[in-house]
């Protein structure tokens, strides 16, 4: 059994990598069509970026959320998200 990287990064307090882990997890859920779960992972990554005061890395998560709206046909939300970026 391969250990999950999220608990390892959490234990090491490597919040930058932990944020990247949540983005990667979200991308995997997008591929499976699990958009709600992916959105939650991106939101978690954004909160982590806020906690380490690194706003620049939030852009990946915001683009991911934009992609969720686009792929799920929520074009109105997609337009609003695009204006917020």
N, C-alpha and C. Protein backbone atom coordinates (compact mmCIF):
# COMPACT_ATOMS: atom_id res chain seq x y z
N UNK A 1 0.84 -1.19 0.00
CA UNK A 1 0.00 0.00 0.00
C UNK A 1 0.88 1.25 0.00
N UNK A 2 0.57 2.17 -0.88
CA UNK A 2 1.33 3.42 -0.99
C UNK A 2 0.70 4.46 -0.06
N UNK A 3 1.51 5.09 0.80
CA UNK A 3 0.94 6.10 1.71
C UNK A 3 0.52 7.35 0.93
N UNK A 4 -0.52 7.99 1.41
CA UNK A 4 -0.99 9.23 0.80
C UNK A 4 -0.03 10.36 1.13
N UNK A 5 0.23 11.22 0.18
CA UNK A 5 1.18 12.31 0.36
C UNK A 5 0.60 13.45 1.22
N UNK A 6 -0.72 13.59 1.24
CA UNK A 6 -1.32 14.69 1.99
C UNK A 6 -1.01 14.60 3.49
N UNK A 7 -1.20 13.45 4.14
CA UNK A 7 -0.83 13.39 5.56
C UNK A 7 0.67 13.61 5.80
N UNK A 8 1.49 13.16 4.86
CA UNK A 8 2.94 13.35 5.01
C UNK A 8 3.28 14.84 4.96
N UNK A 9 2.75 15.56 3.97
CA UNK A 9 3.01 17.00 3.88
C UNK A 9 2.43 17.74 5.08
N UNK A 10 1.28 17.29 5.56
CA UNK A 10 0.68 17.92 6.74
C UNK A 10 1.57 17.72 7.96
N UNK A 11 2.08 16.49 8.12
CA UNK A 11 2.96 16.21 9.26
C UNK A 11 4.25 17.02 9.18
N UNK A 12 4.78 17.17 7.97
CA UNK A 12 6.01 17.95 7.77
C UNK A 12 5.77 19.46 7.81
N UNK A 13 4.49 19.83 7.86
CA UNK A 13 4.08 21.24 7.84
C UNK A 13 4.57 21.96 6.58
N UNK A 14 4.57 21.21 5.48
CA UNK A 14 4.97 21.75 4.18
C UNK A 14 3.70 22.23 3.47
N UNK A 15 3.23 23.39 3.88
CA UNK A 15 1.93 23.88 3.41
C UNK A 15 1.93 24.25 1.94
N UNK A 16 3.06 24.67 1.42
CA UNK A 16 3.12 24.98 -0.01
C UNK A 16 2.88 23.71 -0.82
N UNK A 17 3.53 22.62 -0.47
CA UNK A 17 3.33 21.35 -1.17
C UNK A 17 1.95 20.77 -0.90
N UNK A 18 1.45 20.96 0.31
CA UNK A 18 0.12 20.49 0.65
C UNK A 18 -0.93 21.17 -0.23
N UNK A 19 -0.75 22.47 -0.46
CA UNK A 19 -1.65 23.20 -1.34
C UNK A 19 -1.60 22.62 -2.75
N UNK A 20 -0.40 22.30 -3.23
CA UNK A 20 -0.25 21.69 -4.55
C UNK A 20 -0.91 20.30 -4.59
N UNK A 21 -0.81 19.57 -3.48
CA UNK A 21 -1.45 18.25 -3.41
C UNK A 21 -2.96 18.36 -3.59
N UNK A 22 -3.56 19.36 -2.95
CA UNK A 22 -5.01 19.53 -3.08
C UNK A 22 -5.40 19.94 -4.50
N UNK A 23 -4.56 20.74 -5.16
CA UNK A 23 -4.84 21.07 -6.56
C UNK A 23 -4.76 19.83 -7.44
N UNK A 24 -3.77 18.99 -7.20
CA UNK A 24 -3.63 17.76 -7.98
C UNK A 24 -4.82 16.83 -7.73
N UNK A 25 -5.22 16.73 -6.49
CA UNK A 25 -6.39 15.92 -6.15
C UNK A 25 -7.63 16.44 -6.88
N UNK A 26 -7.79 17.74 -6.92
CA UNK A 26 -8.93 18.34 -7.62
C UNK A 26 -8.91 17.98 -9.10
N UNK A 27 -7.73 18.04 -9.71
CA UNK A 27 -7.62 17.69 -11.13
C UNK A 27 -8.03 16.24 -11.39
N UNK A 28 -7.69 15.37 -10.47
CA UNK A 28 -8.10 13.96 -10.62
C UNK A 28 -9.62 13.82 -10.53
N UNK A 29 -10.24 14.54 -9.62
CA UNK A 29 -11.70 14.47 -9.50
C UNK A 29 -12.38 15.09 -10.72
N UNK A 30 -11.78 16.10 -11.31
CA UNK A 30 -12.34 16.68 -12.53
C UNK A 30 -12.37 15.62 -13.63
N UNK A 31 -11.29 14.89 -13.76
CA UNK A 31 -11.22 13.83 -14.79
C UNK A 31 -12.30 12.78 -14.59
N UNK A 32 -12.69 12.55 -13.33
CA UNK A 32 -13.74 11.57 -13.04
C UNK A 32 -15.14 12.19 -13.12
N UNK A 33 -15.22 13.50 -13.37
CA UNK A 33 -16.51 14.17 -13.44
C UNK A 33 -17.10 14.48 -12.07
N UNK A 34 -16.31 14.40 -11.02
CA UNK A 34 -16.75 14.70 -9.65
C UNK A 34 -16.45 16.17 -9.35
N UNK A 35 -17.23 17.05 -9.96
CA UNK A 35 -16.93 18.49 -9.90
C UNK A 35 -17.10 19.09 -8.50
N UNK A 36 -18.07 18.62 -7.75
CA UNK A 36 -18.27 19.16 -6.39
C UNK A 36 -17.08 18.85 -5.49
N UNK A 37 -16.57 17.64 -5.59
CA UNK A 37 -15.42 17.26 -4.77
C UNK A 37 -14.18 18.04 -5.22
N UNK A 38 -14.02 18.19 -6.53
CA UNK A 38 -12.89 18.96 -7.06
C UNK A 38 -12.95 20.41 -6.58
N UNK A 39 -14.14 20.98 -6.61
CA UNK A 39 -14.30 22.36 -6.15
C UNK A 39 -13.88 22.49 -4.68
N UNK A 40 -14.26 21.53 -3.86
CA UNK A 40 -13.86 21.56 -2.45
C UNK A 40 -12.36 21.47 -2.27
N UNK A 41 -11.70 20.68 -3.10
CA UNK A 41 -10.24 20.57 -3.02
C UNK A 41 -9.57 21.88 -3.42
N UNK A 42 -10.10 22.51 -4.47
CA UNK A 42 -9.54 23.81 -4.87
C UNK A 42 -9.76 24.87 -3.78
N UNK A 43 -10.94 24.85 -3.18
CA UNK A 43 -11.22 25.82 -2.10
C UNK A 43 -10.28 25.59 -0.92
N UNK A 44 -10.00 24.33 -0.64
CA UNK A 44 -9.06 24.02 0.45
C UNK A 44 -7.67 24.55 0.11
N UNK A 45 -7.25 24.38 -1.14
CA UNK A 45 -5.94 24.89 -1.58
C UNK A 45 -5.87 26.41 -1.45
N UNK A 46 -6.97 27.08 -1.76
CA UNK A 46 -7.01 28.55 -1.64
C UNK A 46 -6.86 28.96 -0.19
N UNK A 47 -7.56 28.26 0.70
CA UNK A 47 -7.44 28.58 2.14
C UNK A 47 -6.01 28.34 2.64
N UNK A 48 -5.38 27.30 2.16
CA UNK A 48 -3.98 27.05 2.55
C UNK A 48 -3.07 28.17 2.04
N UNK A 49 -3.29 28.60 0.81
CA UNK A 49 -2.48 29.71 0.27
C UNK A 49 -2.69 30.97 1.10
N UNK A 50 -3.92 31.21 1.54
CA UNK A 50 -4.19 32.34 2.42
C UNK A 50 -3.43 32.21 3.73
N UNK A 51 -3.39 30.99 4.26
CA UNK A 51 -2.75 30.78 5.57
C UNK A 51 -1.24 30.99 5.52
N UNK A 52 -0.64 30.76 4.35
CA UNK A 52 0.80 31.00 4.23
C UNK A 52 1.10 32.35 3.59
N UNK A 53 0.03 33.12 3.37
CA UNK A 53 0.14 34.47 2.82
C UNK A 53 0.89 34.50 1.48
N UNK A 54 0.47 33.59 0.60
CA UNK A 54 1.11 33.47 -0.71
C UNK A 54 0.01 33.54 -1.77
N UNK A 55 -0.44 34.77 -2.03
CA UNK A 55 -1.57 34.98 -2.93
C UNK A 55 -1.31 34.52 -4.36
N UNK A 56 -0.09 34.60 -4.81
CA UNK A 56 0.22 34.28 -6.20
C UNK A 56 -0.15 32.84 -6.55
N UNK A 57 0.02 31.91 -5.63
CA UNK A 57 -0.27 30.51 -5.95
C UNK A 57 -1.76 30.21 -6.00
N UNK A 58 -2.59 31.14 -5.54
CA UNK A 58 -4.03 30.91 -5.60
C UNK A 58 -4.55 30.91 -7.03
N UNK A 59 -3.80 31.51 -7.95
CA UNK A 59 -4.28 31.62 -9.33
C UNK A 59 -4.53 30.24 -9.93
N UNK A 60 -3.69 29.24 -9.60
CA UNK A 60 -3.91 27.88 -10.12
C UNK A 60 -5.26 27.33 -9.67
N UNK A 61 -5.59 27.57 -8.43
CA UNK A 61 -6.86 27.07 -7.90
C UNK A 61 -8.04 27.80 -8.52
N UNK A 62 -7.91 29.11 -8.70
CA UNK A 62 -9.00 29.87 -9.32
C UNK A 62 -9.21 29.44 -10.77
N UNK A 63 -8.14 29.19 -11.50
CA UNK A 63 -8.30 28.69 -12.86
C UNK A 63 -8.93 27.30 -12.86
N UNK A 64 -8.61 26.49 -11.86
CA UNK A 64 -9.23 25.18 -11.74
C UNK A 64 -10.73 25.29 -11.52
N UNK A 65 -11.14 26.20 -10.65
CA UNK A 65 -12.57 26.41 -10.40
C UNK A 65 -13.25 26.92 -11.68
N UNK A 66 -12.60 27.82 -12.38
CA UNK A 66 -13.09 28.31 -13.67
C UNK A 66 -13.30 27.12 -14.61
N UNK A 67 -12.34 26.21 -14.65
CA UNK A 67 -12.43 25.03 -15.50
C UNK A 67 -13.60 24.13 -15.11
N UNK A 68 -13.84 23.99 -13.82
CA UNK A 68 -14.99 23.19 -13.35
C UNK A 68 -16.28 23.78 -13.89
N UNK A 69 -16.45 25.07 -13.75
CA UNK A 69 -17.68 25.71 -14.24
C UNK A 69 -17.83 25.53 -15.74
N UNK A 70 -16.73 25.67 -16.47
CA UNK A 70 -16.78 25.54 -17.92
C UNK A 70 -17.13 24.10 -18.32
N UNK A 71 -16.46 23.13 -17.72
CA UNK A 71 -16.68 21.74 -18.10
C UNK A 71 -18.05 21.22 -17.68
N UNK A 72 -18.62 21.80 -16.63
CA UNK A 72 -19.93 21.34 -16.18
C UNK A 72 -21.07 22.16 -16.79
N UNK A 73 -20.73 23.04 -17.72
CA UNK A 73 -21.76 23.81 -18.42
C UNK A 73 -22.35 24.95 -17.62
N UNK A 74 -21.70 25.37 -16.56
CA UNK A 74 -22.17 26.48 -15.73
C UNK A 74 -21.54 27.78 -16.24
N UNK A 75 -21.94 28.17 -17.44
CA UNK A 75 -21.27 29.27 -18.13
C UNK A 75 -21.46 30.62 -17.44
N UNK A 76 -22.59 30.81 -16.79
CA UNK A 76 -22.80 32.07 -16.08
C UNK A 76 -21.80 32.21 -14.93
N UNK A 77 -21.62 31.13 -14.17
CA UNK A 77 -20.63 31.15 -13.09
C UNK A 77 -19.23 31.31 -13.67
N UNK A 78 -19.00 30.70 -14.82
CA UNK A 78 -17.71 30.78 -15.49
C UNK A 78 -17.39 32.24 -15.83
N UNK A 79 -18.37 32.97 -16.32
CA UNK A 79 -18.16 34.38 -16.66
C UNK A 79 -17.88 35.21 -15.41
N UNK A 80 -18.61 34.95 -14.33
CA UNK A 80 -18.39 35.68 -13.09
C UNK A 80 -17.01 35.38 -12.55
N UNK A 81 -16.60 34.11 -12.55
CA UNK A 81 -15.28 33.72 -12.06
C UNK A 81 -14.19 34.41 -12.89
N UNK A 82 -14.38 34.48 -14.20
CA UNK A 82 -13.41 35.13 -15.07
C UNK A 82 -13.24 36.61 -14.74
N UNK A 83 -14.32 37.26 -14.38
CA UNK A 83 -14.21 38.69 -14.00
C UNK A 83 -13.50 38.86 -12.67
N UNK A 84 -13.62 37.89 -11.78
CA UNK A 84 -12.96 37.99 -10.47
C UNK A 84 -11.45 37.81 -10.58
N UNK A 85 -11.01 37.08 -11.62
CA UNK A 85 -9.56 36.87 -11.79
C UNK A 85 -8.97 38.17 -12.25
